[in-house]
Amino acid sequence: MSARLSSARTRAALRTSARVSTELLLIFVLLAVALWLLGRMWSVVWPVAIALLLTTLTWPSARFLRRHGWPPALAASVVTVAFLLTAVGVVALIAVPMSSQTDELTDGVVEGIERLRDWAAGPPLNIGDAQITSAVDTAMARVQDSVGSMVSTVATGVSAVVNGLITAILAVFLMFFFLKDGPRFLPWLTRQLPGRLSTDVPAVAARGWETLGSFVRSQALVGLLDAVFIGLGLWILGVPLVLPLAVLTFVSAFVPIVGALFAGFVAVLIALVSNGLTDALIVLAIIVVVQQLEGNVFQPMIQSRGLGLHAAVILLAVTLGGSLAGVVGTLLAVPVAALIAVVWNYVRDQLGDHAEEPAAADA
């Protein structure tokens, strides 16, 4: 009898395991299909994602105007134009001071190269002019041999720039329509969905919108902290173009990894050509320290409070997003993880409410 019971339990456990495995396999297949469809529609999904992030940044201004009697189209137009003017102003704030000192920076670059050459010629390297000339000739020969690959690389870069401009223009137009017609979306969605979905989906969408807004605000705060600390260090060292470099640091905070590397490279280069190698190394140390504080302290703490995610989850999400989709993955990893948490928390709350209802009925 015991053997029969044990055999029956084993068969039941195997059937349960097989059913669960089949369900999990089906879920993975559906996820793979969804990711494949997302990749096929990426040219549309990417501008929409950028537009949503920009809308969360500009919506408070549009909401303020709408609450004071402005028509939705006028409020959206004013906010969109103000955003474009601000973006152009930021670019001008960075470009104009740098262009006005182009000659000084060029002379500094030449002088810096000469200093590096003199340093390399002395101890302990003792690299002579003949060795440097030979190395330059070898590099030029390699460049000439790889002209074809360089041309294709340049063509790819030009194509990427063009696609980036098209994406930016489309995102701005979508931002205008989101600002203008955004409040109508949830009521329209409620009317289109049947039954329970007409309540659940709009509720999840509203929570997701709040989460995206929290992400953008926290990212702006992290960028502000980076700009203040790095700008303060540059000002103390007497490095020129402190304000443009601080603005560049703030803007680049919205592009993880690549943005920080680019802003840091520009700051170190300007410190090298204007103040010398010692100050450039100090600037590099400041940037490394600030970036470490940002990545391991500021960003996880601020975003974990604003998004309701643990700091470790944010770090793992950024790492996973970067490994799967590069820079774009690191940019979208945190908001995607936060939206997944929103859906999970809503489903858990609903299941908890339904679990309590039968218990109350039995009482």
Foldseek 3Di string as FASTA:
>chain_A
DVVVVVVVVVVVVVVVVVVVVVVVVVVVVVVVVVVVVCVVCVLPVVLQVLLLLVLLVQLVQLVVVVVVPDALLVSLVVSLVVVVVVVVVLVCLQPVVCVVCVVLLVVLVVVLVVVVVVVCCDPPNVQDPVNVVVVVVVVVVVCVVCVVVVVVVVVVVVVVVVSVVVSVVSSSVVNSVCSRCVVVVLVVQLVVDDDPCSPQVSVLVVVLSQLSSLVSVLLLVLLLVLLVQLLVLCVVLVQPPSVSLSSQSSVLSLQPPVSLVVSLVVSLSSCCSPPRDVSSVVSNVSSVVSVCCSLQPSNLVSSCVSLVHHSVQLNVQLVVLCVVPNRVRNNCSSSVVSSVVSSVVSVVVVVVVVVVVVVVVVD
